[in-house]
Each structure stands twice: as structure tokens, then as C-alpha cells.
Amino acid sequence: MTAEIVPGLRSIGMNEYEANVYSTLVGLQKATARDIHEVSGVPRGRIYEILNDLARRGFIAVEEGSPTSYHVLDIDVVFDRLKEDYVRTLDETREVLKSLSVKPHISPDSFFILRSDWAIENHISSLFRRVKKSMVILCYDPEFLRKHYAAIKPLERKIDLYVVVRERDGYTDIKLPIYEARGTVLELLESSPMNEAAIGLRKDECAILVDGRDFFVIATAGSRRHAVIGSDMPIIGYMQKTIVERISCS
């Protein structure tokens, strides 16, 4: 049984000996160093060192006597404290990293590609959080809107939001400001916003223009999603303004 829990304990910073000693003591509840050595198989010469270290880190308590015995502290309390410490460390590390970061200047013909679903979804959430004034979503697949509806819907009260689609028919159940493309905007939707020859992407999911300065395009190549990001590019502001003007007049 202890062997099954060792990988989990190692993931929170214990080495193999520490994980074996701690899981053994959890099973015994209270024991001497000798008992723990015999059950866990950890070398006797390491037992006291490991027990004292686990006590220092708040996993177990020491009961002085002859012989000295050890017992586990409340597991819920111990692991709740570990969770709080871990989250606090993550938050502190994030803030330090943010203070160190310097936003690079992206030249007008530059872009970045994201190749994992986690990175794509993280960037989508970031766009929804930081949009200030306006957002245009050129939507090729209604499932994108359904998936992110809970995050998109509140934006309708805060910014100028435009969701542009080829035909409304597939979007009748989605309660967002949806505009059916006409003229040059329809031509834009019917042509890929990506350079397929250069990037190898085939099926588009959506293209998002934010505050006239950021664009984000999601597409798939086979079964894999990719996304292209661009920022501070003059053409983005022009495209967003033009799309809004055209759909507002239609």
C-alpha cells in the first residue's frame, strides 16, 4: 500500500525514503524509529534524520520518552497548509515574473504560433479579461461561441462586441450580438485569414480582433488546433474598423 502512495508524496517534495517513512507512519499512526525502520525497509542509519526532518516540516510530531515515539498530525490540516503554501508561492512567483517581463516589440510582419490546447485556451481567457473597448469575433464554427459563451456574454455590457458569421441559421440559439456578413466582410470570412501555404492550417475556427491592436486566429491542421497571435500591427486597427463599419451599414 505504501508503494502506491510514494509517487504522490514525491510530487510534493519528499524523496523516496521520506515518502516511505511518512506513509508507513500514517499506517501505524504511532511508532518508534525501530518500528518504522522494520516496516518501511528504510536503512536504520537514515531513520532519525528523516523523522526529524518530517517533524520540522510539520508532517509528524515527536513524543519524547524512552524510547522516543512519533505520530502523524492531522492529514487534512497538513495538506490544507501545503495547498495554501503552494498557491501563495505560485502567486508570488507569478508577480515576480511579471515584474521582470518586458513586452517585446512585434514588427508588423511578425506573429507567434501556439500549438497546445492549454496555451490556446489560456490566451483566449486573457483576451476576454483585458479587452477594454471593442472586440470583433469572426466566427467560422458556432461551437466556439457555445464553448465560451459564459465568458463572452458579460462582455456585451462592457464593450462594443460584434460576432460576425456567414449565416445566422446555425447560431439562432446563441444570444449574442450576431451579424451576418455581407459584401467584402463575407469575402473575408470565406477566405482563410491565415497563410495556409506557409503555416499548413486548413479548417478555421475563429478570428478575434481586440481594441484595434491584437488579433488571434484559431484553426486546425488535421486533428490538431493551432493559433496565431499578432499585436501592435497597424493593419489590425484598420481591419477591425472596416468590418464594424460594413456590418453596421448592412
C-alpha atoms as a PDB file:
ATOM      1  CA  MET A   1       0.000   0.000   0.000  1.00  0.00           C
ATOM      2  CA  THR A   2       2.805   2.438   0.830  1.00  0.00           C
ATOM      3  CA  ALA A   3       4.393   1.812  -2.584  1.00  0.00           C
ATOM      4  CA  GLU A   4       1.234   3.118  -4.293  1.00  0.00           C
ATOM      5  CA  ILE A   5       1.329   6.469  -2.462  1.00  0.00           C
ATOM      6  CA  VAL A   6       5.062   7.097  -2.805  1.00  0.00           C
ATOM      7  CA  PRO A   7       4.839   8.803  -6.259  1.00  0.00           C
ATOM      8  CA  GLY A   8       2.188  11.211  -4.944  1.00  0.00           C
ATOM      9  CA  LEU A   9       4.288  12.121  -1.905  1.00  0.00           C
ATOM     10  CA  ARG A  10       7.359  12.583  -4.078  1.00  0.00           C
ATOM     11  CA  SER A  11       5.393  15.049  -6.196  1.00  0.00           C
ATOM     12  CA  ILE A  12       5.027  17.315  -3.127  1.00  0.00           C
ATOM     13  CA  GLY A  13       8.729  17.375  -2.417  1.00  0.00           C
ATOM     14  CA  MET A  14       9.538  14.212  -0.480  1.00  0.00           C
ATOM     15  CA  ASN A  15      12.309  11.899  -1.592  1.00  0.00           C
ATOM     16  CA  GLU A  16      11.692   8.151  -1.751  1.00  0.00           C
ATOM     17  CA  TYR A  17      12.914   7.430   1.786  1.00  0.00           C
ATOM     18  CA  GLU A  18      10.825  10.276   3.247  1.00  0.00           C
ATOM     19  CA  ALA A  19       7.741   9.114   1.364  1.00  0.00           C
ATOM     20  CA  ASN A  20       8.202   5.560   2.609  1.00  0.00           C
ATOM     21  CA  VAL A  21       8.746   6.659   6.206  1.00  0.00           C
ATOM     22  CA  TYR A  22       5.764   9.035   6.209  1.00  0.00           C
ATOM     23  CA  SER A  23       3.329   6.609   4.559  1.00  0.00           C
ATOM     24  CA  THR A  24       4.456   3.869   6.937  1.00  0.00           C
ATOM     25  CA  LEU A  25       3.847   6.087   9.967  1.00  0.00           C
ATOM     26  CA  VAL A  26       0.428   7.051   8.620  1.00  0.00           C
ATOM     27  CA  GLY A  27      -0.420   3.365   8.585  1.00  0.00           C
ATOM     28  CA  LEU A  28       0.975   2.756  12.061  1.00  0.00           C
ATOM     29  CA  GLN A  29      -0.343   6.087  13.467  1.00  0.00           C
ATOM     30  CA  LYS A  30       2.236   5.973  16.282  1.00  0.00           C
ATOM     31  CA  ALA A  31       5.546   4.114  16.345  1.00  0.00           C
ATOM     32  CA  THR A  32       9.195   4.157  17.372  1.00  0.00           C
ATOM     33  CA  ALA A  33      12.031   4.669  14.934  1.00  0.00           C
ATOM     34  CA  ARG A  34      12.795   0.971  15.149  1.00  0.00           C
ATOM     35  CA  ASP A  35       9.229   0.008  14.238  1.00  0.00           C
ATOM     36  CA  ILE A  36       9.255   2.364  11.274  1.00  0.00           C
ATOM     37  CA  HIS A  37      12.611   1.040  10.089  1.00  0.00           C
ATOM     38  CA  GLU A  38      11.415  -2.555  10.207  1.00  0.00           C
ATOM     39  CA  VAL A  39       8.134  -1.891   8.379  1.00  0.00           C
ATOM     40  CA  SER A  40       9.365   0.606   5.800  1.00  0.00           C
ATOM     41  CA  GLY A  41      12.688  -1.024   4.972  1.00  0.00           C
ATOM     42  CA  VAL A  42      14.424   2.371   5.067  1.00  0.00           C
ATOM     43  CA  PRO A  43      18.025   1.976   6.333  1.00  0.00           C
ATOM     44  CA  ARG A  44      18.259   2.394  10.091  1.00  0.00           C
ATOM     45  CA  GLY A  45      21.037   4.930   9.742  1.00  0.00           C
ATOM     46  CA  ARG A  46      18.670   7.308   7.907  1.00  0.00           C
ATOM     47  CA  ILE A  47      15.550   6.876  10.039  1.00  0.00           C
ATOM     48  CA  TYR A  48      16.256   9.509  12.704  1.00  0.00           C
ATOM     49  CA  GLU A  49      17.399  12.083  10.178  1.00  0.00           C
ATOM     50  CA  ILE A  50      14.243  11.584   8.113  1.00  0.00           C
ATOM     51  CA  LEU A  51      11.873  11.595  11.100  1.00  0.00           C
ATOM     52  CA  ASN A  52      13.408  14.800  12.484  1.00  0.00           C
ATOM     53  CA  ASP A  53      13.105  16.455   9.065  1.00  0.00           C
ATOM     54  CA  LEU A  54       9.443  15.417   8.691  1.00  0.00           C
ATOM     55  CA  ALA A  55       8.773  16.808  12.159  1.00  0.00           C
ATOM     56  CA  ARG A  56      10.496  20.092  11.278  1.00  0.00           C
ATOM     57  CA  ARG A  57       8.345  20.397   8.151  1.00  0.00           C
ATOM     58  CA  GLY A  58       5.141  19.809  10.118  1.00  0.00           C
ATOM     59  CA  PHE A  59       4.142  16.347   8.876  1.00  0.00           C
ATOM     60  CA  ILE A  60       4.606  14.464  12.145  1.00  0.00           C
ATOM     61  CA  ALA A  61       5.024  15.103  15.872  1.00  0.00           C
ATOM     62  CA  VAL A  62       7.658  13.776  18.301  1.00  0.00           C
ATOM     63  CA  GLU A  63       6.755  12.347  21.677  1.00  0.00           C
ATOM     64  CA  GLU A  64       9.777  12.337  23.965  1.00  0.00           C
ATOM     65  CA  GLY A  65      10.304   9.221  26.034  1.00  0.00           C
ATOM     66  CA  SER A  66      12.316   6.084  26.290  1.00  0.00           C
ATOM     67  CA  PRO A  67      12.159   5.203  23.521  1.00  0.00           C
ATOM     68  CA  THR A  68      11.045   8.297  21.602  1.00  0.00           C
ATOM     69  CA  SER A  69       7.931   7.731  19.531  1.00  0.00           C
ATOM     70  CA  TYR A  70       6.439   9.515  16.556  1.00  0.00           C
ATOM     71  CA  HIS A  71       2.858  10.078  15.420  1.00  0.00           C
ATOM     72  CA  VAL A  72       1.193  11.645  12.413  1.00  0.00           C
ATOM     73  CA  LEU A  73      -0.501  15.033  12.585  1.00  0.00           C
ATOM     74  CA  ASP A  74      -3.999  15.549  11.186  1.00  0.00           C
ATOM     75  CA  ILE A  75      -3.650  14.835   7.471  1.00  0.00           C
ATOM     76  CA  ASP A  76      -6.356  17.331   6.390  1.00  0.00           C
ATOM     77  CA  VAL A  77      -4.703  20.153   8.339  1.00  0.00           C
ATOM     78  CA  VAL A  78      -1.248  19.285   6.990  1.00  0.00           C
ATOM     79  CA  PHE A  79      -2.326  19.106   3.360  1.00  0.00           C
ATOM     80  CA  ASP A  80      -4.541  22.204   3.540  1.00  0.00           C
ATOM     81  CA  ARG A  81      -1.477  24.094   4.782  1.00  0.00           C
ATOM     82  CA  LEU A  82       0.612  22.648   1.957  1.00  0.00           C
ATOM     83  CA  LYS A  83      -2.011  23.714  -0.573  1.00  0.00           C
ATOM     84  CA  GLU A  84      -2.108  27.273   0.818  1.00  0.00           C
ATOM     85  CA  ASP A  85       1.682  27.490   0.812  1.00  0.00           C
ATOM     86  CA  TYR A  86       1.856  26.195  -2.752  1.00  0.00           C
ATOM     87  CA  VAL A  87      -0.774  28.617  -4.064  1.00  0.00           C
ATOM     88  CA  ARG A  88       0.882  31.530  -2.257  1.00  0.00           C
ATOM     89  CA  THR A  89       4.257  30.583  -3.730  1.00  0.00           C
ATOM     90  CA  LEU A  90       2.738  30.377  -7.218  1.00  0.00           C
ATOM     91  CA  ASP A  91       1.149  33.818  -6.817  1.00  0.00           C
ATOM     92  CA  GLU A  92       4.371  35.365  -5.519  1.00  0.00           C
ATOM     93  CA  THR A  93       6.411  33.778  -8.306  1.00  0.00           C
ATOM     94  CA  ARG A  94       3.926  34.969 -10.933  1.00  0.00           C
ATOM     95  CA  GLU A  95       4.137  38.551  -9.665  1.00  0.00           C
ATOM     96  CA  VAL A  96       7.927  38.482  -9.646  1.00  0.00           C
ATOM     97  CA  LEU A  97       7.997  37.107 -13.196  1.00  0.00           C
ATOM     98  CA  LYS A  98       5.520  39.756 -14.357  1.00  0.00           C
ATOM     99  CA  SER A  99       7.730  42.467 -12.864  1.00  0.00           C
ATOM    100  CA  LEU A 100      10.690  41.085 -14.805  1.00  0.00           C
ATOM    101  CA  SER A 101       8.923  40.752 -18.148  1.00  0.00           C
ATOM    102  CA  VAL A 102       9.395  43.347 -20.838  1.00  0.00           C
ATOM    103  CA  LYS A 103       6.876  43.338 -23.646  1.00  0.00           C
ATOM    104  CA  PRO A 104       8.777  42.792 -26.896  1.00  0.00           C
ATOM    105  CA  HIS A 105       8.138  44.990 -29.869  1.00  0.00           C
ATOM    106  CA  ILE A 106       6.476  42.933 -32.571  1.00  0.00           C
ATOM    107  CA  SER A 107       7.244  44.114 -36.059  1.00  0.00           C
ATOM    108  CA  PRO A 108       4.247  44.482 -38.422  1.00  0.00           C
ATOM    109  CA  ASP A 109       5.018  41.242 -40.252  1.00  0.00           C
ATOM    110  CA  SER A 110       5.661  39.129 -37.154  1.00  0.00           C
ATOM    111  CA  PHE A 111       3.423  36.585 -35.452  1.00  0.00           C
ATOM    112  CA  PHE A 112       3.570  33.794 -32.888  1.00  0.00           C
ATOM    113  CA  ILE A 113       2.060  30.331 -33.119  1.00  0.00           C
ATOM    114  CA  LEU A 114       0.527  28.400 -30.203  1.00  0.00           C
ATOM    115  CA  ARG A 115       0.464  24.632 -30.610  1.00  0.00           C
ATOM    116  CA  SER A 116      -1.268  23.311 -27.465  1.00  0.00           C
ATOM    117  CA  ASP A 117      -4.927  23.436 -26.405  1.00  0.00           C
ATOM    118  CA  TRP A 118      -3.904  24.676 -22.942  1.00  0.00           C
ATOM    119  CA  ALA A 119      -1.954  27.623 -24.383  1.00  0.00           C
ATOM    120  CA  ILE A 120      -4.781  28.466 -26.790  1.00  0.00           C
ATOM    121  CA  GLU A 121      -7.490  28.400 -24.108  1.00  0.00           C
ATOM    122  CA  ASN A 122      -5.272  30.395 -21.746  1.00  0.00           C
ATOM    123  CA  HIS A 123      -4.765  33.102 -24.372  1.00  0.00           C
ATOM    124  CA  ILE A 124      -8.492  33.233 -25.158  1.00  0.00           C
ATOM    125  CA  SER A 125      -9.216  33.825 -21.456  1.00  0.00           C
ATOM    126  CA  SER A 126      -6.548  36.513 -21.389  1.00  0.00           C
ATOM    127  CA  LEU A 127      -8.109  38.328 -24.360  1.00  0.00           C
ATOM    128  CA  PHE A 128     -11.550  38.281 -22.733  1.00  0.00           C
ATOM    129  CA  ARG A 129     -10.100  39.672 -19.494  1.00  0.00           C
ATOM    130  CA  ARG A 130      -8.068  42.516 -20.950  1.00  0.00           C
ATOM    131  CA  VAL A 131     -10.308  43.826 -23.738  1.00  0.00           C
ATOM    132  CA  LYS A 132     -11.098  47.482 -22.993  1.00  0.00           C
ATOM    133  CA  LYS A 133     -13.265  48.925 -25.762  1.00  0.00           C
ATOM    134  CA  SER A 134     -14.192  46.636 -28.610  1.00  0.00           C
ATOM    135  CA  MET A 135     -13.949  43.096 -29.925  1.00  0.00           C
ATOM    136  CA  VAL A 136     -14.831  41.576 -33.280  1.00  0.00           C
ATOM    137  CA  ILE A 137     -15.178  37.793 -33.464  1.00  0.00           C
ATOM    138  CA  LEU A 138     -15.206  36.394 -36.992  1.00  0.00           C
ATOM    139  CA  CYS A 139     -16.749  33.035 -36.222  1.00  0.00           C
ATOM    140  CA  TYR A 140     -16.471  30.065 -38.545  1.00  0.00           C
ATOM    141  CA  ASP A 141     -17.792  27.484 -36.065  1.00  0.00           C
ATOM    142  CA  PRO A 142     -20.749  28.048 -33.692  1.00  0.00           C
ATOM    143  CA  GLU A 143     -19.251  25.537 -31.234  1.00  0.00           C
ATOM    144  CA  PHE A 144     -16.595  28.121 -30.355  1.00  0.00           C
ATOM    145  CA  LEU A 145     -19.299  30.527 -29.161  1.00  0.00           C
ATOM    146  CA  ARG A 146     -21.168  27.818 -27.274  1.00  0.00           C
ATOM    147  CA  LYS A 147     -17.985  26.699 -25.535  1.00  0.00           C
ATOM    148  CA  HIS A 148     -17.006  30.222 -24.454  1.00  0.00           C
ATOM    149  CA  TYR A 149     -20.496  31.692 -24.062  1.00  0.00           C
ATOM    150  CA  ALA A 150     -20.186  32.184 -20.287  1.00  0.00           C
ATOM    151  CA  ALA A 151     -17.070  34.312 -20.791  1.00  0.00           C
ATOM    152  CA  ILE A 152     -18.274  36.218 -23.872  1.00  0.00           C
ATOM    153  CA  LYS A 153     -21.809  37.135 -22.743  1.00  0.00           C
ATOM    154  CA  PRO A 154     -20.757  39.539 -19.919  1.00  0.00           C
ATOM    155  CA  LEU A 155     -18.593  41.469 -22.407  1.00  0.00           C
ATOM    156  CA  GLU A 156     -21.751  42.625 -24.192  1.00  0.00           C
ATOM    157  CA  ARG A 157     -22.452  45.042 -21.307  1.00  0.00           C
ATOM    158  CA  LYS A 158     -18.894  46.369 -21.083  1.00  0.00           C
ATOM    159  CA  ILE A 159     -17.601  46.805 -24.632  1.00  0.00           C
ATOM    160  CA  ASP A 160     -18.689  47.090 -28.244  1.00  0.00           C
ATOM    161  CA  LEU A 161     -18.993  43.421 -29.183  1.00  0.00           C
ATOM    162  CA  TYR A 162     -19.553  42.159 -32.720  1.00  0.00           C
ATOM    163  CA  VAL A 163     -19.863  38.494 -33.649  1.00  0.00           C
ATOM    164  CA  VAL A 164     -19.735  38.111 -37.425  1.00  0.00           C
ATOM    165  CA  VAL A 165     -20.841  34.900 -39.153  1.00  0.00           C
ATOM    166  CA  ARG A 166     -21.513  33.673 -42.679  1.00  0.00           C
ATOM    167  CA  GLU A 167     -25.154  32.757 -41.994  1.00  0.00           C
ATOM    168  CA  ARG A 168     -27.269  33.268 -38.879  1.00  0.00           C
ATOM    169  CA  ASP A 169     -29.108  29.959 -39.232  1.00  0.00           C
ATOM    170  CA  GLY A 170     -26.538  27.956 -37.284  1.00  0.00           C
ATOM    171  CA  TYR A 171     -26.446  30.496 -34.454  1.00  0.00           C
ATOM    172  CA  THR A 172     -30.103  31.036 -33.567  1.00  0.00           C
ATOM    173  CA  ASP A 173     -29.671  29.536 -30.066  1.00  0.00           C
ATOM    174  CA  ILE A 174     -26.726  31.802 -29.182  1.00  0.00           C
ATOM    175  CA  LYS A 175     -27.853  35.043 -27.525  1.00  0.00           C
ATOM    176  CA  LEU A 176     -25.053  37.365 -28.604  1.00  0.00           C
ATOM    177  CA  PRO A 177     -24.895  40.371 -30.965  1.00  0.00           C
ATOM    178  CA  ILE A 178     -24.516  38.308 -34.128  1.00  0.00           C
ATOM    179  CA  TYR A 179     -24.166  39.941 -37.527  1.00  0.00           C
ATOM    180  CA  GLU A 180     -24.451  38.190 -40.853  1.00  0.00           C
ATOM    181  CA  ALA A 181     -21.590  39.107 -43.149  1.00  0.00           C
ATOM    182  CA  ARG A 182     -22.205  40.886 -46.432  1.00  0.00           C
ATOM    183  CA  GLY A 183     -20.022  42.099 -49.294  1.00  0.00           C
ATOM    184  CA  THR A 184     -16.323  42.384 -48.566  1.00  0.00           C
ATOM    185  CA  VAL A 185     -16.775  41.109 -44.996  1.00  0.00           C
ATOM    186  CA  LEU A 186     -18.356  37.924 -46.356  1.00  0.00           C
ATOM    187  CA  GLU A 187     -15.438  37.587 -48.759  1.00  0.00           C
ATOM    188  CA  LEU A 188     -13.107  37.858 -45.782  1.00  0.00           C
ATOM    189  CA  LEU A 189     -14.966  35.106 -43.952  1.00  0.00           C
ATOM    190  CA  GLU A 190     -14.942  32.885 -46.996  1.00  0.00           C
ATOM    191  CA  SER A 191     -11.193  33.212 -47.411  1.00  0.00           C
ATOM    192  CA  SER A 192      -8.736  31.891 -44.823  1.00  0.00           C
ATOM    193  CA  PRO A 193      -7.318  34.604 -42.531  1.00  0.00           C
ATOM    194  CA  MET A 194      -4.087  32.590 -42.406  1.00  0.00           C
ATOM    195  CA  ASN A 195      -1.409  31.920 -44.927  1.00  0.00           C
ATOM    196  CA  GLU A 196      -2.219  28.255 -45.445  1.00  0.00           C
ATOM    197  CA  ALA A 197       0.746  27.635 -47.693  1.00  0.00           C
ATOM    198  CA  ALA A 198       3.157  28.927 -45.058  1.00  0.00           C
ATOM    199  CA  ILE A 199       1.518  27.562 -41.923  1.00  0.00           C
ATOM    200  CA  GLY A 200      -0.294  24.485 -43.187  1.00  0.00           C
ATOM    201  CA  LEU A 201      -3.628  25.200 -41.483  1.00  0.00           C
ATOM    202  CA  ARG A 202      -6.843  24.181 -43.175  1.00  0.00           C
ATOM    203  CA  LYS A 203     -10.019  24.486 -41.093  1.00  0.00           C
ATOM    204  CA  ASP A 204     -10.704  27.812 -39.401  1.00  0.00           C
ATOM    205  CA  GLU A 205     -12.438  28.127 -36.022  1.00  0.00           C
ATOM    206  CA  CYS A 206     -12.463  31.879 -35.378  1.00  0.00           C
ATOM    207  CA  ALA A 207     -10.531  35.102 -35.745  1.00  0.00           C
ATOM    208  CA  ILE A 208     -10.658  37.694 -32.954  1.00  0.00           C
ATOM    209  CA  LEU A 209      -9.726  41.372 -33.261  1.00  0.00           C
ATOM    210  CA  VAL A 210      -9.333  43.254 -29.984  1.00  0.00           C
ATOM    211  CA  ASP A 211      -9.194  47.014 -29.381  1.00  0.00           C
ATOM    212  CA  GLY A 212      -7.736  47.643 -32.823  1.00  0.00           C
ATOM    213  CA  ARG A 213      -4.363  46.232 -31.812  1.00  0.00           C
ATOM    214  CA  ASP A 214      -4.473  42.465 -31.176  1.00  0.00           C
ATOM    215  CA  PHE A 215      -5.526  39.605 -33.398  1.00  0.00           C
ATOM    216  CA  PHE A 216      -5.920  35.931 -32.567  1.00  0.00           C
ATOM    217  CA  VAL A 217      -6.787  33.241 -35.105  1.00  0.00           C
ATOM    218  CA  ILE A 218      -7.566  29.597 -34.307  1.00  0.00           C
ATOM    219  CA  ALA A 219      -7.541  26.843 -36.916  1.00  0.00           C
ATOM    220  CA  THR A 220      -6.870  23.127 -37.175  1.00  0.00           C
ATOM    221  CA  ALA A 221      -4.442  21.037 -39.177  1.00  0.00           C
ATOM    222  CA  GLY A 222      -5.780  17.509 -39.210  1.00  0.00           C
ATOM    223  CA  SER A 223      -6.854  16.876 -35.621  1.00  0.00           C
ATOM    224  CA  ARG A 224      -4.570  19.454 -34.006  1.00  0.00           C
ATOM    225  CA  ARG A 225      -5.527  23.020 -33.123  1.00  0.00           C
ATOM    226  CA  HIS A 226      -3.110  25.867 -33.684  1.00  0.00           C
ATOM    227  CA  ALA A 227      -3.422  29.582 -33.074  1.00  0.00           C
ATOM    228  CA  VAL A 228      -1.656  32.612 -34.480  1.00  0.00           C
ATOM    229  CA  ILE A 229      -1.170  35.754 -32.396  1.00  0.00           C
ATOM    230  CA  GLY A 230      -0.254  39.243 -33.534  1.00  0.00           C
ATOM    231  CA  SER A 231      -0.130  42.568 -31.701  1.00  0.00           C
ATOM    232  CA  ASP A 232       0.529  46.274 -32.287  1.00  0.00           C
ATOM    233  CA  MET A 233       0.106  45.854 -36.024  1.00  0.00           C
ATOM    234  CA  PRO A 234      -1.454  48.842 -37.879  1.00  0.00           C
ATOM    235  CA  ILE A 235      -3.461  46.597 -40.205  1.00  0.00           C
ATOM    236  CA  ILE A 236      -5.412  45.190 -37.242  1.00  0.00           C
ATOM    237  CA  GLY A 237      -6.959  48.535 -36.361  1.00  0.00           C
ATOM    238  CA  TYR A 238      -7.856  49.172 -39.989  1.00  0.00           C
ATOM    239  CA  MET A 239      -9.445  45.733 -40.405  1.00  0.00           C
ATOM    240  CA  GLN A 240     -11.464  45.996 -37.190  1.00  0.00           C
ATOM    241  CA  LYS A 241     -12.749  49.487 -38.007  1.00  0.00           C
ATOM    242  CA  THR A 242     -13.634  48.497 -41.564  1.00  0.00           C
ATOM    243  CA  ILE A 243     -15.510  45.362 -40.507  1.00  0.00           C
ATOM    244  CA  VAL A 244     -17.525  47.284 -37.907  1.00  0.00           C
ATOM    245  CA  GLU A 245     -18.430  49.992 -40.438  1.00  0.00           C
ATOM    246  CA  ARG A 246     -19.513  47.467 -43.068  1.00  0.00           C
ATOM    247  CA  ILE A 247     -21.694  45.312 -40.791  1.00  0.00           C
ATOM    248  CA  SER A 248     -23.228  48.389 -39.134  1.00  0.00           C
ATOM    249  CA  CYS A 249     -24.354  49.672 -42.513  1.00  0.00           C
ATOM    250  CA  SER A 250     -25.731  46.365 -43.768  1.00  0.00           C
END
